[in-house]
Protein backbone atom coordinates (compact mmCIF):
# COMPACT_ATOMS: atom_id res chain seq x y z
CA MET A 1 94.18 110.13 107.88
CA ILE A 2 96.75 110.09 110.75
CA THR A 3 96.23 105.65 110.75
CA SER A 4 96.58 106.34 106.63
CA LEU A 5 99.57 107.87 106.58
CA PHE A 6 101.43 106.01 109.12
CA ASP A 7 100.07 102.70 106.62
CA TYR A 8 101.70 104.93 104.18
CA PHE A 9 105.14 105.43 105.89
CA ARG A 10 105.37 101.68 107.51
CA SER A 11 104.21 100.06 103.99
CA ILE A 12 107.17 102.64 101.96
CA ALA A 13 110.24 100.78 105.24
CA ARG A 14 108.74 97.71 103.95
CA LEU A 15 109.12 97.73 100.54
CA ALA A 16 112.09 99.31 101.45
CA ASN A 17 113.32 96.54 103.73
CA ILE A 18 114.05 99.16 106.62
CA THR A 19 112.96 97.61 109.50
CA PRO A 20 111.16 99.39 112.56
CA GLU A 21 114.01 99.85 115.11
CA ALA A 22 116.19 101.35 112.49
CA MET A 23 112.99 103.50 111.60
CA GLU A 24 113.32 104.75 115.11
CA GLU A 25 116.68 104.89 115.32
CA ALA A 26 116.56 107.16 112.63
CA ALA A 27 113.63 109.14 113.81
CA ARG A 28 115.83 110.21 117.23
CA ALA A 29 118.92 110.85 115.66
CA SER A 30 118.09 113.75 113.54
CA PRO A 31 115.33 115.81 113.57
CA PRO A 32 113.08 116.64 110.88
CA SER A 33 114.06 119.24 108.32
CA ILE A 34 111.05 121.44 107.36
CA GLU A 35 112.37 123.57 104.43
CA HIS A 36 109.73 123.30 101.71
CA PRO A 37 106.22 125.45 102.44
CA ALA A 38 104.11 122.39 101.88
CA GLU A 39 106.37 121.08 104.80
CA TRP A 40 105.97 123.83 106.71
CA LYS A 41 102.08 123.23 106.26
CA LEU A 42 101.51 119.99 107.44
CA ALA A 43 103.69 121.05 110.27
CA LYS A 44 101.43 123.87 111.38
CA PHE A 45 98.25 121.58 110.51
CA ILE A 46 100.10 118.45 112.82
CA LEU A 47 100.79 121.24 115.55
CA ARG A 48 96.91 122.44 115.53
CA PHE A 49 95.09 119.13 114.94
CA ALA A 50 95.69 119.07 119.17
CA GLN A 51 93.65 122.03 119.39
CA VAL A 52 90.81 121.02 116.83
CA THR A 53 90.11 117.55 118.41
CA TYR A 54 90.05 119.29 122.34
CA PHE A 55 87.76 121.88 121.20
CA VAL A 56 85.10 120.05 119.25
CA GLY A 57 84.97 117.33 122.01
CA TYR A 58 84.50 119.89 124.47
CA CYS A 59 81.47 121.55 121.91
CA TYR A 60 80.18 117.44 121.90
CA HIS A 61 79.97 117.09 125.50
CA ASN A 62 78.68 120.34 126.32
CA ASN A 63 76.22 120.23 123.46
CA VAL A 64 77.67 123.49 121.69
CA TYR A 65 76.17 123.20 118.50
CA SER A 66 77.09 126.21 116.82
CA LEU A 67 79.59 129.35 117.46
């Protein structure tokens, strides 16, 4: 999912004739605005993603198949 989202943003930038350097500069210049409820939901999901992947890896490597 993350890779496809990245490709989606790159595609939009390419169609808008925005260089990768300009995109990086804009990302560093202003903090993200999280105002809409859907944006909050996405931000919470992204922050939780690392915890979920760690837990899945822990369960896989320690042969834990159910909670």
